C-alpha atoms as a PDB file:
ATOM      1  CA  UNK A   1       0.000   0.000   0.000  1.00  0.00           C
ATOM      2  CA  UNK A   2       1.395   3.412  -0.895  1.00  0.00           C
ATOM      3  CA  UNK A   3       2.007   5.976   1.885  1.00  0.00           C
ATOM      4  CA  UNK A   4      -0.856   8.242   0.809  1.00  0.00           C
ATOM      5  CA  UNK A   5      -3.317   5.346   0.805  1.00  0.00           C
ATOM      6  CA  UNK A   6      -2.033   4.215   4.229  1.00  0.00           C
ATOM      7  CA  UNK A   7      -2.547   7.696   5.664  1.00  0.00           C
ATOM      8  CA  UNK A   8      -6.029   7.890   4.158  1.00  0.00           C
ATOM      9  CA  UNK A   9      -6.960   4.499   5.592  1.00  0.00           C
ATOM     10  CA  UNK A  10      -5.540   5.509   8.995  1.00  0.00           C
ATOM     11  CA  UNK A  11      -7.761   8.582   9.141  1.00  0.00           C
ATOM     12  CA  UNK A  12     -10.856   6.740   7.982  1.00  0.00           C
ATOM     13  CA  UNK A  13     -10.420   3.998  10.589  1.00  0.00           C
ATOM     14  CA  UNK A  14      -9.685   6.608  13.270  1.00  0.00           C
ATOM     15  CA  UNK A  15     -12.824   8.583  12.350  1.00  0.00           C
ATOM     16  CA  UNK A  16     -14.900   5.426  12.603  1.00  0.00           C
ATOM     17  CA  UNK A  17     -13.427   4.613  16.019  1.00  0.00           C
ATOM     18  CA  UNK A  18     -14.050   8.161  17.272  1.00  0.00           C
ATOM     19  CA  UNK A  19     -17.632   8.254  16.003  1.00  0.00           C
ATOM     20  CA  UNK A  20     -18.442   4.909  17.602  1.00  0.00           C
ATOM     21  CA  UNK A  21     -16.932   6.092  20.883  1.00  0.00           C
ATOM     22  CA  UNK A  22     -18.737   9.446  20.737  1.00  0.00           C
ATOM     23  CA  UNK A  23     -22.056   7.740  20.099  1.00  0.00           C
ATOM     24  CA  UNK A  24     -21.552   5.591  23.199  1.00  0.00           C
ATOM     25  CA  UNK A  25     -20.568   8.633  25.298  1.00  0.00           C
ATOM     26  CA  UNK A  26     -23.795  10.395  24.291  1.00  0.00           C
ATOM     27  CA  UNK A  27     -25.943   7.282  24.931  1.00  0.00           C
ATOM     28  CA  UNK A  28     -24.290   6.720  28.293  1.00  0.00           C
ATOM     29  CA  UNK A  29     -24.803  10.325  29.355  1.00  0.00           C
ATOM     30  CA  UNK A  30     -28.499  10.171  28.549  1.00  0.00           C
ATOM     31  CA  UNK A  31     -28.805   7.127  30.826  1.00  0.00           C
ATOM     32  CA  UNK A  32     -27.671   9.412  33.670  1.00  0.00           C
ATOM     33  CA  UNK A  33     -29.764  12.432  32.651  1.00  0.00           C
ATOM     34  CA  UNK A  34     -26.891  14.270  30.989  1.00  0.00           C
ATOM     35  CA  UNK A  35     -26.526  15.722  27.541  1.00  0.00           C
ATOM     36  CA  UNK A  36     -23.718  14.405  25.390  1.00  0.00           C
ATOM     37  CA  UNK A  37     -21.736  17.610  25.843  1.00  0.00           C
ATOM     38  CA  UNK A  38     -22.183  17.513  29.623  1.00  0.00           C
ATOM     39  CA  UNK A  39     -20.878  13.943  29.605  1.00  0.00           C
ATOM     40  CA  UNK A  40     -17.876  14.896  27.501  1.00  0.00           C
ATOM     41  CA  UNK A  41     -17.115  17.804  29.833  1.00  0.00           C
ATOM     42  CA  UNK A  42     -17.198  15.481  32.860  1.00  0.00           C
ATOM     43  CA  UNK A  43     -14.777  13.114  31.101  1.00  0.00           C
ATOM     44  CA  UNK A  44     -12.408  16.018  30.378  1.00  0.00           C
ATOM     45  CA  UNK A  45     -12.479  17.496  33.887  1.00  0.00           C
ATOM     46  CA  UNK A  46      -9.568  15.529  35.302  1.00  0.00           C
ATOM     47  CA  UNK A  47      -8.417  18.858  36.768  1.00  0.00           C
ATOM     48  CA  UNK A  48      -9.908  22.374  36.979  1.00  0.00           C
ATOM     49  CA  UNK A  49      -9.937  24.063  33.575  1.00  0.00           C
ATOM     50  CA  UNK A  50     -10.700  27.523  32.261  1.00  0.00           C
ATOM     51  CA  UNK A  51     -14.168  27.628  30.718  1.00  0.00           C
ATOM     52  CA  UNK A  52     -12.619  29.162  27.606  1.00  0.00           C
ATOM     53  CA  UNK A  53     -10.667  25.921  27.173  1.00  0.00           C
ATOM     54  CA  UNK A  54     -13.929  24.080  26.497  1.00  0.00           C
ATOM     55  CA  UNK A  55     -14.949  26.646  23.901  1.00  0.00           C
ATOM     56  CA  UNK A  56     -11.813  25.683  21.993  1.00  0.00           C
ATOM     57  CA  UNK A  57     -12.205  21.937  22.581  1.00  0.00           C
ATOM     58  CA  UNK A  58     -15.872  21.846  21.557  1.00  0.00           C
ATOM     59  CA  UNK A  59     -15.413  24.486  18.838  1.00  0.00           C
ATOM     60  CA  UNK A  60     -18.463  26.402  19.997  1.00  0.00           C
ATOM     61  CA  UNK A  61     -19.536  29.782  21.285  1.00  0.00           C
ATOM     62  CA  UNK A  62     -18.783  30.742  24.887  1.00  0.00           C
ATOM     63  CA  UNK A  63     -22.523  30.882  25.604  1.00  0.00           C
ATOM     64  CA  UNK A  64     -22.780  27.173  24.738  1.00  0.00           C
ATOM     65  CA  UNK A  65     -20.085  26.359  27.299  1.00  0.00           C
ATOM     66  CA  UNK A  66     -21.897  28.513  29.861  1.00  0.00           C
ATOM     67  CA  UNK A  67     -25.076  26.521  29.206  1.00  0.00           C
ATOM     68  CA  UNK A  68     -23.250  23.203  29.645  1.00  0.00           C
ATOM     69  CA  UNK A  69     -21.676  24.373  32.907  1.00  0.00           C
ATOM     70  CA  UNK A  70     -25.008  25.811  34.117  1.00  0.00           C
ATOM     71  CA  UNK A  71     -26.649  22.409  33.628  1.00  0.00           C
ATOM     72  CA  UNK A  72     -23.860  20.599  35.460  1.00  0.00           C
ATOM     73  CA  UNK A  73     -23.922  23.150  38.297  1.00  0.00           C
ATOM     74  CA  UNK A  74     -27.677  22.684  38.707  1.00  0.00           C
ATOM     75  CA  UNK A  75     -26.982  18.974  39.208  1.00  0.00           C
ATOM     76  CA  UNK A  76     -24.244  19.944  41.714  1.00  0.00           C
ATOM     77  CA  UNK A  77     -21.618  18.085  39.677  1.00  0.00           C
ATOM     78  CA  UNK A  78     -19.316  21.046  38.986  1.00  0.00           C
ATOM     79  CA  UNK A  79     -18.666  24.553  40.225  1.00  0.00           C
ATOM     80  CA  UNK A  80     -17.060  27.555  38.625  1.00  0.00           C
ATOM     81  CA  UNK A  81     -14.641  29.891  40.318  1.00  0.00           C
ATOM     82  CA  UNK A  82     -12.367  32.793  39.404  1.00  0.00           C
ATOM     83  CA  UNK A  83      -8.773  31.964  38.493  1.00  0.00           C
ATOM     84  CA  UNK A  84      -6.651  33.081  41.469  1.00  0.00           C
ATOM     85  CA  UNK A  85      -4.098  34.633  39.086  1.00  0.00           C
ATOM     86  CA  UNK A  86      -6.589  36.396  36.812  1.00  0.00           C
ATOM     87  CA  UNK A  87     -10.080  37.019  38.151  1.00  0.00           C
ATOM     88  CA  UNK A  88     -11.379  37.704  34.616  1.00  0.00           C
ATOM     89  CA  UNK A  89     -10.933  33.988  33.882  1.00  0.00           C
ATOM     90  CA  UNK A  90     -13.567  31.590  35.166  1.00  0.00           C
ATOM     91  CA  UNK A  91     -12.564  28.009  35.817  1.00  0.00           C
ATOM     92  CA  UNK A  92     -14.705  24.935  36.292  1.00  0.00           C
ATOM     93  CA  UNK A  93     -13.981  21.973  38.558  1.00  0.00           C
ATOM     94  CA  UNK A  94     -15.653  18.740  39.561  1.00  0.00           C
ATOM     95  CA  UNK A  95     -17.428  18.642  42.887  1.00  0.00           C
ATOM     96  CA  UNK A  96     -17.623  15.483  44.982  1.00  0.00           C
ATOM     97  CA  UNK A  97     -20.787  14.214  43.249  1.00  0.00           C
ATOM     98  CA  UNK A  98     -19.207  15.016  39.886  1.00  0.00           C
ATOM     99  CA  UNK A  99     -16.081  13.000  40.715  1.00  0.00           C
ATOM    100  CA  UNK A 100     -18.245  10.063  41.732  1.00  0.00           C
ATOM    101  CA  UNK A 101     -20.389  10.257  38.604  1.00  0.00           C
ATOM    102  CA  UNK A 102     -17.302  10.672  36.397  1.00  0.00           C
ATOM    103  CA  UNK A 103     -15.809   7.491  37.872  1.00  0.00           C
ATOM    104  CA  UNK A 104     -19.101   5.654  37.377  1.00  0.00           C
ATOM    105  CA  UNK A 105     -19.397   6.902  33.781  1.00  0.00           C
ATOM    106  CA  UNK A 106     -15.839   5.848  32.971  1.00  0.00           C
ATOM    107  CA  UNK A 107     -16.399   2.394  34.463  1.00  0.00           C
ATOM    108  CA  UNK A 108     -19.683   2.002  32.584  1.00  0.00           C
ATOM    109  CA  UNK A 109     -18.094   3.307  29.379  1.00  0.00           C
ATOM    110  CA  UNK A 110     -15.241   0.812  29.610  1.00  0.00           C
ATOM    111  CA  UNK A 111     -17.605  -2.053  30.356  1.00  0.00           C
ATOM    112  CA  UNK A 112     -20.035  -1.340  27.515  1.00  0.00           C
ATOM    113  CA  UNK A 113     -17.580   0.126  25.029  1.00  0.00           C
ATOM    114  CA  UNK A 114     -15.114  -2.712  25.433  1.00  0.00           C
ATOM    115  CA  UNK A 115     -16.031  -4.405  22.136  1.00  0.00           C
ATOM    116  CA  UNK A 116     -14.028  -1.661  20.411  1.00  0.00           C
ATOM    117  CA  UNK A 117     -10.844  -2.571  22.269  1.00  0.00           C
ATOM    118  CA  UNK A 118     -11.554  -6.137  23.418  1.00  0.00           C
ATOM    119  CA  UNK A 119      -9.957  -7.548  20.282  1.00  0.00           C
ATOM    120  CA  UNK A 120      -6.573  -6.263  21.464  1.00  0.00           C
ATOM    121  CA  UNK A 121      -4.385  -8.299  23.789  1.00  0.00           C
ATOM    122  CA  UNK A 122      -2.434  -6.509  26.537  1.00  0.00           C
ATOM    123  CA  UNK A 123       0.657  -5.978  24.369  1.00  0.00           C
ATOM    124  CA  UNK A 124      -1.432  -4.553  21.527  1.00  0.00           C
ATOM    125  CA  UNK A 125      -3.306  -2.331  23.969  1.00  0.00           C
ATOM    126  CA  UNK A 126      -0.023  -0.950  25.342  1.00  0.00           C
ATOM    127  CA  UNK A 127       1.142  -0.334  21.757  1.00  0.00           C
ATOM    128  CA  UNK A 128      -2.174   1.383  20.946  1.00  0.00           C
ATOM    129  CA  UNK A 129      -1.792   3.663  23.982  1.00  0.00           C
ATOM    130  CA  UNK A 130       1.831   4.392  23.085  1.00  0.00           C
ATOM    131  CA  UNK A 131       0.890   5.287  19.506  1.00  0.00           C
ATOM    132  CA  UNK A 132      -1.950   7.566  20.610  1.00  0.00           C
ATOM    133  CA  UNK A 133       0.369   9.309  23.090  1.00  0.00           C
ATOM    134  CA  UNK A 134       2.991   9.727  20.362  1.00  0.00           C
ATOM    135  CA  UNK A 135       0.411  11.124  17.927  1.00  0.00           C
ATOM    136  CA  UNK A 136      -0.952  13.629  20.457  1.00  0.00           C
ATOM    137  CA  UNK A 137       2.323  14.704  22.093  1.00  0.00           C
ATOM    138  CA  UNK A 138       3.242  18.282  21.394  1.00  0.00           C
ATOM    139  CA  UNK A 139      -0.259  19.079  20.178  1.00  0.00           C
ATOM    140  CA  UNK A 140      -2.445  21.527  22.093  1.00  0.00           C
ATOM    141  CA  UNK A 141      -3.859  19.246  24.754  1.00  0.00           C
ATOM    142  CA  UNK A 142      -7.504  18.705  25.323  1.00  0.00           C
END
């Protein structure tokens, strides 16, 4: 296979994988009364982040991010707070209930999404992780 065809096939397979994963994230979120975007935000909140960061990640207007955070705050899953170094910047963080739900969502996602990765043995899974880390290193992180 020529290099251009290999690259094309790589992207097409990656798109398929991402779309299948995204569909499951949205389905899973709805099982817990969350929108797909709220679920994705919970998955990405491994540490407090500026709200503007999500505007870039989700490629949407700031008002959309505000709406997502509002919904999560109403459920007492997250809170927003001013950045201690720049009070113009609002950050969002998981609250206790949000950490618990995030852990539950991740566990449920792995259990029900496992058919995508279950075909890989442990060595292949480590290689897959290594390749994804290599691909994403040096790129603006999500």
